[in-house]
Amino acid sequence: MELPPEETLRQEGLIEFYGSFREMFEFFCKNTTIHGTIRLVCSGSTRGKRALWTLLLLASFGMLYWQFALMFSQFWSYPVVLTMSMHSEPKMFPAVTVCNRDPYRFELVREHLEQLDRMAEESLRFLYGSSFSRGKERNGNGNGNGNLSSSRFQLSPNFSLVRVAQIRAGRKHSSVGFQLCNSTGGNCFFKTYSSGLDAILEWYRFHYMNIMAQLPLAMNDSEHQEHLQDMVYSCHDFVHFHHPIFGSCYTFNSKGTDPFWTATKPGIPYGLSLLLRAQQRGQLPLLSPVAGVRVLIHRHNQSPFLEHEGFDIRPGITTTIGIRQDEVNRLGGNYGRCTTDGADVAVELLYNNSYTLQACLHSCFQQLMLQECGCGYYYYPLPAGARPCDYSRHPGWGEQIWGEKTHGIPEIPWGKSLGIPEIPWGKSWEFLKSSGNSWEKIPWNS
């Protein structure tokens, strides 16, 4: 009996593998598009040619993997491509405002200022028990023409400096301040400072503004010409104005149209040089913390806000001011309720220059002061017919200012850095010490 033959055929699988490496290599060489690989298995050529084609194939694979290695190594190193270009072009200088810190009308209120100095000395003795030397008296012509000391204004003793003790976190803290109330004598609060020096200066400034508010708004042209000769010698293209606190001020390059103010190259040798003769004349108040000039760098056609943005320069030294200009390119369109020139703002702007956020805030604040107190803030321009505040006519104006005062943050496109070499520091310090404003005996902290 014969057995049936073995079935030699087998069904084809879904995934077939090569039986050997030689079979797989032959299939690759016959079906690939790489030039010359078919000569490795199907060519009847000599062994030398076959070896040459083998070396070429291995070299091509080696170069391929070498390029892959370079590409991945560069990717994982996270390279940063930075392109920097430098170019030099002429730039227009910004506007520069310089003030002599001297309202130059002290003679009209000389007696009130001397009385305020005596009150300050008494406050210092009461708080710290130290004697304070005034030094020389204020210079004056002694004629008393137009002296406002005979007016009905009197310095009020109701704003004395006192020490206030507070318990915070289980510890006793001492501060110095003075009390302010509204026009009816109610709603009082203490304006306190942790530093005794800050409290004295703010108290002195409060009385000082009430005294200076008695001065007439009109200026004498002869006084203006006198100070013009004192401060400005060989400059042109400047605008003069009077600041109630910082005195006679001059804005150079206010419009930014004169090519004279164009800088061709960066650096100190290509900048502006200004030589000022700032004289003290014995007219600085007793507690004046600075002596010299007030400087502000700002945009063209912009009102200078010296009380917020300016800085002081001491006399007797050489000061270098470096400016870095930031150029901002804004996208088009209005992102909210915007204005271009302030004409559509429901507030009368008190400044004659272009519209700025700070000018709008000052005008709004001045309008609020006129509504609430019937007078204006001495630091800001006054509308026609308005008078500055003083506590003889408006007893509660101090509470309105120190209780609710808010100032905006201006946009300044200038970055400034000061360099002050000590030339000649020794002489200027001796001059300040001999001027009668001695600070050695005043403690800096309470």
Protein backbone atom coordinates (compact mmCIF):
# COMPACT_ATOMS: atom_id res chain seq x y z
CA MET A 1 0.00 0.00 0.00
CA GLU A 2 1.59 3.33 -1.14
CA LEU A 3 1.43 6.36 1.00
CA PRO A 4 0.28 9.63 -0.62
CA PRO A 5 3.15 12.00 -1.46
CA GLU A 6 3.89 14.84 0.95
CA GLU A 7 2.33 18.07 0.05
CA THR A 8 5.24 20.32 -0.86
CA LEU A 9 3.24 23.46 -1.65
CA ARG A 10 2.53 25.90 1.16
CA GLN A 11 0.26 28.88 1.27
CA GLU A 12 1.76 32.39 0.90
CA GLY A 13 1.76 34.35 4.15
CA LEU A 14 0.54 37.89 4.70
CA ILE A 15 4.10 39.07 5.48
CA GLU A 16 6.98 37.20 3.86
CA PHE A 17 10.59 37.36 5.03
CA TYR A 18 13.65 36.58 3.00
CA GLY A 19 15.13 33.20 3.51
CA SER A 20 18.68 34.51 3.78
CA PHE A 21 20.71 37.70 3.76
CA ARG A 22 22.04 36.85 0.29
CA GLU A 23 18.50 36.65 -1.06
CA MET A 24 17.62 40.02 0.45
CA PHE A 25 20.83 41.63 -0.89
CA GLU A 26 20.19 40.34 -4.40
CA PHE A 27 16.62 41.66 -4.33
CA PHE A 28 17.86 45.09 -3.21
CA CYS A 29 20.54 45.29 -5.88
CA LYS A 30 18.13 44.30 -8.64
CA ASN A 31 15.29 46.68 -7.68
CA THR A 32 17.01 49.77 -6.29
CA THR A 33 17.59 52.93 -8.28
CA ILE A 34 21.09 53.40 -6.92
CA HIS A 35 23.45 53.43 -9.85
CA GLY A 36 25.87 50.53 -10.05
CA THR A 37 24.45 48.20 -7.38
CA ILE A 38 23.17 45.72 -9.92
CA ARG A 39 26.74 45.21 -11.03
CA LEU A 40 27.49 43.66 -7.65
CA VAL A 41 25.31 40.58 -8.20
CA CYS A 42 24.33 40.39 -11.84
CA SER A 43 27.47 41.42 -13.59
CA GLY A 44 29.90 38.96 -15.00
CA SER A 45 32.71 41.40 -14.60
CA THR A 46 35.89 40.69 -12.78
CA ARG A 47 36.35 40.83 -9.06
CA GLY A 48 38.27 44.09 -9.33
CA LYS A 49 35.34 45.98 -10.81
CA ARG A 50 33.01 44.40 -8.29
CA ALA A 51 35.27 45.54 -5.44
CA LEU A 52 35.41 49.07 -6.89
CA TRP A 53 31.63 49.32 -7.03
CA THR A 54 31.44 48.00 -3.48
CA LEU A 55 33.78 50.74 -2.23
CA LEU A 56 31.78 53.42 -4.05
CA LEU A 57 28.56 52.15 -2.48
CA LEU A 58 30.04 52.12 1.03
CA ALA A 59 31.50 55.63 0.55
CA SER A 60 28.13 57.01 -0.55
CA PHE A 61 26.40 55.50 2.49
CA GLY A 62 29.11 56.89 4.75
CA MET A 63 28.69 60.42 3.39
CA LEU A 64 24.91 60.12 3.75
CA TYR A 65 25.09 59.20 7.44
CA TRP A 66 27.77 61.85 8.04
CA GLN A 67 25.40 64.54 6.73
CA PHE A 68 22.63 63.15 8.94
CA ALA A 69 24.94 63.39 11.96
CA LEU A 70 25.84 67.01 11.18
CA MET A 71 22.19 67.98 10.75
CA PHE A 72 21.04 66.41 14.02
CA SER A 73 23.99 67.77 16.01
CA GLN A 74 23.23 71.28 14.76
CA PHE A 75 19.55 70.86 15.61
CA TRP A 76 20.16 69.72 19.18
CA SER A 77 22.63 72.55 19.83
CA TYR A 78 19.73 75.09 19.46
CA PRO A 79 21.63 77.69 17.44
CA VAL A 80 20.54 81.37 17.60
CA VAL A 81 20.91 83.48 14.50
CA LEU A 82 21.30 87.19 15.32
CA THR A 83 21.60 89.85 12.68
CA MET A 84 22.81 93.24 13.86
CA SER A 85 23.32 96.31 11.76
CA MET A 86 24.71 99.67 12.83
CA HIS A 87 24.19 102.91 11.01
CA SER A 88 24.81 106.52 11.88
CA GLU A 89 22.43 109.27 10.90
CA PRO A 90 21.81 112.83 12.09
CA LYS A 91 19.46 113.13 15.06
CA MET A 92 17.60 116.15 16.34
CA PHE A 93 18.30 116.97 19.97
CA PRO A 94 15.29 116.91 22.31
CA ALA A 95 14.08 120.06 24.00
CA VAL A 96 16.04 121.13 27.09
CA THR A 97 14.55 123.27 29.86
CA VAL A 98 16.81 124.94 32.43
CA CYS A 99 15.52 126.83 35.50
CA ASN A 100 17.51 128.84 38.02
CA ARG A 101 15.38 127.72 41.03
CA ASP A 102 14.88 131.36 42.00
CA PRO A 103 11.40 132.95 41.69
CA TYR A 104 13.34 136.25 42.17
CA ARG A 105 10.48 138.00 43.96
CA PHE A 106 11.40 137.10 47.53
CA GLU A 107 11.60 140.75 48.52
CA LEU A 108 7.82 141.05 48.23
CA VAL A 109 7.27 138.37 50.89
CA ARG A 110 10.59 138.63 52.75
CA GLU A 111 9.05 139.13 56.21
CA HIS A 112 6.75 136.12 55.82
CA LEU A 113 9.66 133.93 54.72
CA GLU A 114 11.77 135.03 57.67
CA GLN A 115 8.87 134.24 59.99
CA LEU A 116 8.58 130.80 58.37
CA ASP A 117 12.29 130.24 58.93
CA ARG A 118 11.86 131.04 62.63
CA MET A 119 8.93 128.60 62.83
CA ALA A 120 11.10 125.94 61.20
CA GLU A 121 13.86 126.53 63.76
CA GLU A 122 11.36 126.17 66.61
CA SER A 123 10.01 122.94 65.11
CA LEU A 124 13.51 121.51 64.83
CA ARG A 125 14.26 122.37 68.46
CA PHE A 126 10.94 120.87 69.58
CA LEU A 127 11.43 117.63 67.66
CA TYR A 128 15.14 117.04 68.10
CA GLY A 129 16.26 119.45 70.82
CA SER A 130 19.11 120.78 68.68
CA SER A 131 20.05 124.36 67.99
CA PHE A 132 20.04 125.45 64.39
CA SER A 133 22.20 128.28 63.09
CA ARG A 134 20.61 130.42 60.43
CA GLY A 135 23.82 132.01 59.25
CA LYS A 136 23.44 135.23 57.31
CA GLU A 137 20.10 136.92 56.81
CA ARG A 138 18.43 137.32 53.47
CA ASN A 139 19.69 140.08 51.28
CA GLY A 140 17.22 142.80 50.52
CA ASN A 141 17.12 146.32 49.27
CA GLY A 142 15.23 147.44 52.32
CA ASN A 143 12.94 149.81 50.49
CA GLY A 144 9.85 147.67 51.01
CA ASN A 145 8.24 148.84 47.80
CA GLY A 146 5.39 146.57 46.99
CA ASN A 147 6.01 144.48 50.08
CA LEU A 148 3.07 142.15 50.67
CA SER A 149 3.90 141.60 54.32
CA SER A 150 1.40 144.30 55.25
CA SER A 151 -1.45 142.31 53.70
CA ARG A 152 -4.01 140.43 55.74
CA PHE A 153 -2.24 137.11 55.17
CA GLN A 154 -0.70 135.61 58.31
CA LEU A 155 1.16 132.36 58.79
CA SER A 156 -1.08 129.94 60.64
CA PRO A 157 0.29 128.19 63.75
CA ASN A 158 -2.39 125.47 63.45
CA PHE A 159 -0.18 123.19 61.33
CA SER A 160 2.54 122.40 63.84
CA LEU A 161 4.77 119.38 63.44
CA VAL A 162 4.07 116.65 66.00
CA ARG A 163 5.28 113.16 66.72
CA VAL A 164 2.75 110.38 66.23
CA ALA A 165 3.24 106.99 67.91
CA GLN A 166 1.66 103.95 66.27
CA ILE A 167 1.60 100.27 67.24
CA ARG A 168 2.23 97.98 64.27
CA ALA A 169 2.97 94.26 64.52
CA GLY A 170 3.32 94.56 68.29
CA ARG A 171 6.03 97.22 68.03
CA LYS A 172 5.91 100.95 68.61
CA HIS A 173 6.73 103.07 65.58
CA SER A 174 7.24 106.82 65.69
CA SER A 175 6.50 109.16 62.79
CA VAL A 176 6.43 112.92 62.27
CA GLY A 177 3.67 114.88 60.57
CA PHE A 178 1.10 117.63 60.74
CA GLN A 179 -2.71 117.71 60.80
CA LEU A 180 -4.88 118.85 57.89
CA CYS A 181 -8.64 119.48 57.97
CA ASN A 182 -11.32 120.59 55.54
CA SER A 183 -12.85 124.07 55.39
CA THR A 184 -15.27 123.34 58.27
CA GLY A 185 -12.57 122.00 60.58
CA GLY A 186 -13.70 118.39 60.24
CA ASN A 187 -12.51 115.32 58.33
CA CYS A 188 -9.03 115.79 59.77
CA PHE A 189 -6.12 113.45 59.20
CA PHE A 190 -2.41 113.40 60.00
CA LYS A 191 0.00 113.60 57.09
CA THR A 192 2.85 111.58 58.58
CA TYR A 193 6.28 110.50 57.38
CA SER A 194 8.65 107.89 58.75
CA SER A 195 11.55 110.22 57.99
CA GLY A 196 11.76 113.39 60.02
CA LEU A 197 13.56 115.17 57.19
CA ASP A 198 10.76 114.38 54.72
CA ALA A 199 8.15 115.63 57.20
CA ILE A 200 9.97 118.92 57.80
CA LEU A 201 10.49 119.55 54.09
CA GLU A 202 6.84 118.82 53.26
CA TRP A 203 5.63 120.99 56.13
CA TYR A 204 7.91 123.80 54.99
CA ARG A 205 6.74 123.42 51.38
CA PHE A 206 3.10 123.62 52.49
CA HIS A 207 3.63 126.98 54.22
CA TYR A 208 5.94 128.16 51.44
CA MET A 209 3.22 127.67 48.80
CA ASN A 210 0.76 129.65 50.91
CA ILE A 211 3.24 132.52 51.12
CA MET A 212 4.18 132.51 47.45
CA ALA A 213 0.49 132.45 46.51
CA GLN A 214 0.35 136.09 47.65
CA LEU A 215 2.62 137.21 44.81
CA PRO A 216 1.02 138.87 41.79
CA LEU A 217 0.91 136.83 38.61
CA ALA A 218 2.32 139.63 36.45
CA MET A 219 6.08 139.78 35.99
CA ASN A 220 8.32 142.79 35.74
CA ASP A 221 10.12 142.98 32.38
CA SER A 222 13.22 144.53 33.97
CA GLU A 223 13.54 141.54 36.30
CA HIS A 224 13.20 139.22 33.34
CA GLN A 225 15.96 141.01 31.42
CA GLU A 226 18.22 140.93 34.48
CA HIS A 227 17.95 137.18 34.84
CA LEU A 228 18.18 136.71 31.10
CA GLN A 229 21.61 138.33 31.24
CA ASP A 230 22.58 136.23 34.24
CA MET A 231 21.79 132.84 32.73
CA VAL A 232 21.83 133.03 28.92
CA TYR A 233 24.86 134.35 27.03
CA SER A 234 25.40 133.00 23.51
CA CYS A 235 22.37 130.77 22.99
CA HIS A 236 19.57 131.21 20.50
CA ASP A 237 16.25 129.54 19.75
CA PHE A 238 15.00 129.56 23.33
CA VAL A 239 11.66 130.35 24.95
CA HIS A 240 11.47 132.05 28.34
CA PHE A 241 8.73 131.41 30.91
CA HIS A 242 8.32 131.84 34.64
CA HIS A 243 7.68 128.90 36.94
CA PRO A 244 6.15 129.72 40.35
CA ILE A 245 8.61 127.46 42.18
CA PHE A 246 11.64 127.01 39.94
CA GLY A 247 11.84 130.63 38.88
CA SER A 248 13.09 131.83 35.53
CA CYS A 249 13.12 129.00 32.97
CA TYR A 250 14.43 128.73 29.43
CA THR A 251 13.47 126.02 26.95
CA PHE A 252 16.02 125.46 24.19
CA ASN A 253 15.07 123.83 20.88
CA SER A 254 11.40 123.88 21.86
CA LYS A 255 10.13 123.36 18.29
CA GLY A 256 12.85 121.05 16.95
CA THR A 257 13.02 122.72 13.54
CA ASP A 258 16.38 124.50 13.60
CA PRO A 259 19.18 122.38 12.01
CA PHE A 260 21.59 123.94 14.49
CA TRP A 261 20.38 121.42 17.10
CA THR A 262 21.11 118.37 14.93
CA ALA A 263 23.74 115.93 16.16
CA THR A 264 25.76 114.32 13.38
CA LYS A 265 27.56 111.74 15.52
CA PRO A 266 27.09 110.22 18.98
CA GLY A 267 29.40 111.01 21.83
CA ILE A 268 30.28 113.87 24.16
CA PRO A 269 32.45 115.79 21.63
CA TYR A 270 29.43 116.11 19.31
CA GLY A 271 26.90 117.05 22.00
CA LEU A 272 25.73 120.34 23.45
CA SER A 273 27.72 122.37 25.96
CA LEU A 274 26.00 124.89 28.21
CA LEU A 275 27.82 127.09 30.71
CA LEU A 276 25.58 128.56 33.41
CA ARG A 277 26.28 131.13 36.10
CA ALA A 278 23.88 130.24 38.91
CA GLN A 279 24.13 132.75 41.75
CA GLN A 280 22.62 132.07 45.16
CA ARG A 281 22.22 135.72 46.24
CA GLY A 282 21.12 134.67 49.71
CA GLN A 283 17.57 134.01 48.51
CA LEU A 284 17.30 130.27 49.05
CA PRO A 285 14.83 129.27 51.78
CA LEU A 286 16.16 127.98 55.07
CA LEU A 287 15.25 124.34 54.39
CA SER A 288 16.03 124.29 50.69
CA PRO A 289 17.48 120.80 50.01
CA VAL A 290 19.22 121.79 46.76
CA ALA A 291 21.14 124.68 45.25
CA GLY A 292 21.88 125.06 41.58
CA VAL A 293 19.67 124.68 38.51
CA ARG A 294 16.72 122.50 37.55
CA VAL A 295 17.04 120.65 34.23
CA LEU A 296 14.46 118.72 32.22
CA ILE A 297 14.87 116.92 28.88
CA HIS A 298 11.59 116.42 27.07
CA ARG A 299 9.90 116.22 23.67
CA HIS A 300 9.47 119.10 21.30
CA ASN A 301 6.27 121.15 21.60
CA GLN A 302 5.65 119.66 25.04
CA SER A 303 5.06 121.54 28.27
CA PRO A 304 7.88 120.85 30.75
CA PHE A 305 6.67 119.34 34.03
CA LEU A 306 9.63 120.23 36.19
CA GLU A 307 8.11 119.22 39.50
CA HIS A 308 7.70 115.58 38.40
CA GLU A 309 10.33 114.84 35.76
CA GLY A 310 13.18 117.32 36.29
CA PHE A 311 16.45 116.77 38.13
CA ASP A 312 18.81 119.12 39.95
CA ILE A 313 22.42 119.95 39.11
CA ARG A 314 24.73 121.27 41.80
CA PRO A 315 26.77 124.42 41.20
CA GLY A 316 30.53 124.35 40.93
CA ILE A 317 30.77 121.06 39.02
CA THR A 318 30.79 119.77 35.46
CA THR A 319 27.81 117.52 34.76
CA THR A 320 27.48 115.23 31.74
CA ILE A 321 24.03 114.00 30.71
CA GLY A 322 23.81 110.98 28.42
CA ILE A 323 20.64 110.50 26.38
CA ARG A 324 19.35 107.27 24.85
CA GLN A 325 16.41 107.71 22.50
CA ASP A 326 13.85 104.92 22.12
CA GLU A 327 11.97 104.96 18.83
CA VAL A 328 8.53 103.33 19.07
CA ASN A 329 6.57 102.34 15.97
CA ARG A 330 2.91 101.86 16.81
CA LEU A 331 0.38 99.90 14.82
CA GLY A 332 -2.35 101.78 13.04
CA GLY A 333 -5.86 102.19 14.34
CA ASN A 334 -7.37 103.40 17.60
CA TYR A 335 -7.54 100.92 20.46
CA GLY A 336 -10.14 102.68 22.57
CA ARG A 337 -11.31 106.26 23.03
CA CYS A 338 -8.26 108.17 21.83
CA THR A 339 -7.53 111.76 20.96
CA THR A 340 -4.95 113.25 18.62
CA ASP A 341 -4.68 116.89 19.65
CA GLY A 342 -6.98 117.13 22.69
CA ALA A 343 -9.58 119.23 20.87
CA ASP A 344 -12.30 116.66 21.57
CA VAL A 345 -11.48 116.39 25.30
CA ALA A 346 -14.12 117.92 27.57
CA VAL A 347 -11.48 119.72 29.65
CA GLU A 348 -9.89 123.09 28.95
CA LEU A 349 -6.16 122.49 28.64
CA LEU A 350 -4.16 125.05 30.60
CA TYR A 351 -0.99 124.52 28.57
CA ASN A 352 -0.30 126.14 25.21
CA ASN A 353 1.78 123.30 23.77
CA SER A 354 0.69 120.01 22.24
CA TYR A 355 -1.64 117.64 24.07
CA THR A 356 -0.07 115.18 26.49
CA LEU A 357 -1.47 112.89 29.14
CA GLN A 358 0.25 114.84 31.91
CA ALA A 359 -1.14 118.16 30.66
CA CYS A 360 -4.64 116.69 30.64
CA LEU A 361 -4.28 115.31 34.18
CA HIS A 362 -3.00 118.63 35.49
CA SER A 363 -5.83 120.51 33.80
CA CYS A 364 -8.42 118.08 35.19
CA PHE A 365 -6.95 118.35 38.66
CA GLN A 366 -6.92 122.16 38.50
CA GLN A 367 -10.56 122.17 37.40
CA LEU A 368 -11.43 119.87 40.32
CA MET A 369 -9.60 122.19 42.72
CA LEU A 370 -11.57 125.18 41.45
CA GLN A 371 -14.84 123.29 41.92
CA GLU A 372 -14.06 121.93 45.38
CA CYS A 373 -12.00 124.74 46.93
CA GLY A 374 -12.64 127.80 44.78
CA CYS A 375 -8.90 128.23 44.14
CA GLY A 376 -6.13 126.66 42.11
CA TYR A 377 -3.03 124.63 42.91
CA TYR A 378 0.00 126.91 42.99
CA TYR A 379 2.22 124.53 41.00
CA TYR A 380 -0.10 124.36 37.96
CA PRO A 381 -1.25 127.10 35.53
CA LEU A 382 -4.38 128.98 36.53
CA PRO A 383 -7.39 129.75 34.33
CA ALA A 384 -8.28 133.38 33.73
CA GLY A 385 -9.62 135.04 36.88
CA ALA A 386 -8.59 132.24 39.26
CA ARG A 387 -6.34 132.71 42.29
CA PRO A 388 -3.90 130.26 43.86
CA CYS A 389 -4.88 128.63 47.13
CA ASP A 390 -3.72 129.82 50.53
CA TYR A 391 -5.15 128.91 53.94
CA SER A 392 -6.09 132.50 54.81
CA ARG A 393 -8.75 132.57 52.08
CA HIS A 394 -9.33 128.83 51.65
CA PRO A 395 -8.77 127.00 54.96
CA GLY A 396 -9.43 123.49 53.65
CA TRP A 397 -7.36 123.41 50.49
CA GLY A 398 -4.50 121.47 52.09
CA GLU A 399 -6.78 118.54 52.92
CA GLN A 400 -7.89 118.41 49.27
CA ILE A 401 -4.32 118.36 47.96
CA TRP A 402 -2.62 116.01 50.40
CA GLY A 403 -5.66 113.78 50.83
CA GLU A 404 -6.64 113.18 47.19
CA LYS A 405 -3.72 114.36 45.05
CA THR A 406 -2.99 112.11 42.09
CA HIS A 407 -0.36 112.60 39.41
CA GLY A 408 -0.14 110.63 36.22
CA ILE A 409 2.93 108.84 34.90
CA PRO A 410 4.31 110.61 31.86
CA GLU A 411 5.60 108.87 28.77
CA ILE A 412 9.24 109.85 28.35
CA PRO A 413 11.05 108.54 25.25
CA TRP A 414 14.42 109.54 26.67
CA GLY A 415 16.65 107.46 28.87
CA LYS A 416 18.97 109.71 30.88
CA SER A 417 22.14 108.96 32.80
CA LEU A 418 24.09 111.51 34.81
CA GLY A 419 27.84 111.68 35.15
CA ILE A 420 29.10 114.14 37.79
CA PRO A 421 32.87 114.47 38.10
CA GLU A 422 34.10 116.15 41.27
CA ILE A 423 35.36 119.35 39.60
CA PRO A 424 35.87 121.33 41.85
CA TRP A 425 33.85 119.56 44.54
CA GLY A 426 35.80 120.94 47.50
CA LYS A 427 35.21 124.58 46.62
CA SER A 428 31.51 124.13 45.89
CA TRP A 429 30.98 122.26 49.17
CA GLU A 430 32.71 125.04 51.11
CA PHE A 431 30.47 127.56 49.34
CA LEU A 432 27.32 125.65 50.29
CA LYS A 433 28.46 125.32 53.90
CA SER A 434 29.12 129.05 54.16
CA SER A 435 25.74 129.97 52.67
CA GLY A 436 23.87 129.54 55.96
CA ASN A 437 21.99 126.32 55.13
CA SER A 438 23.64 123.88 57.54
CA TRP A 439 22.34 120.30 57.56
CA GLU A 440 24.80 118.64 59.90
CA LYS A 441 22.51 118.81 62.95
CA ILE A 442 19.33 117.61 61.28
CA PRO A 443 18.79 113.84 61.69
CA TRP A 444 17.84 112.08 58.48
CA ASN A 445 15.43 109.66 60.14
CA SER A 446 13.02 110.13 62.96
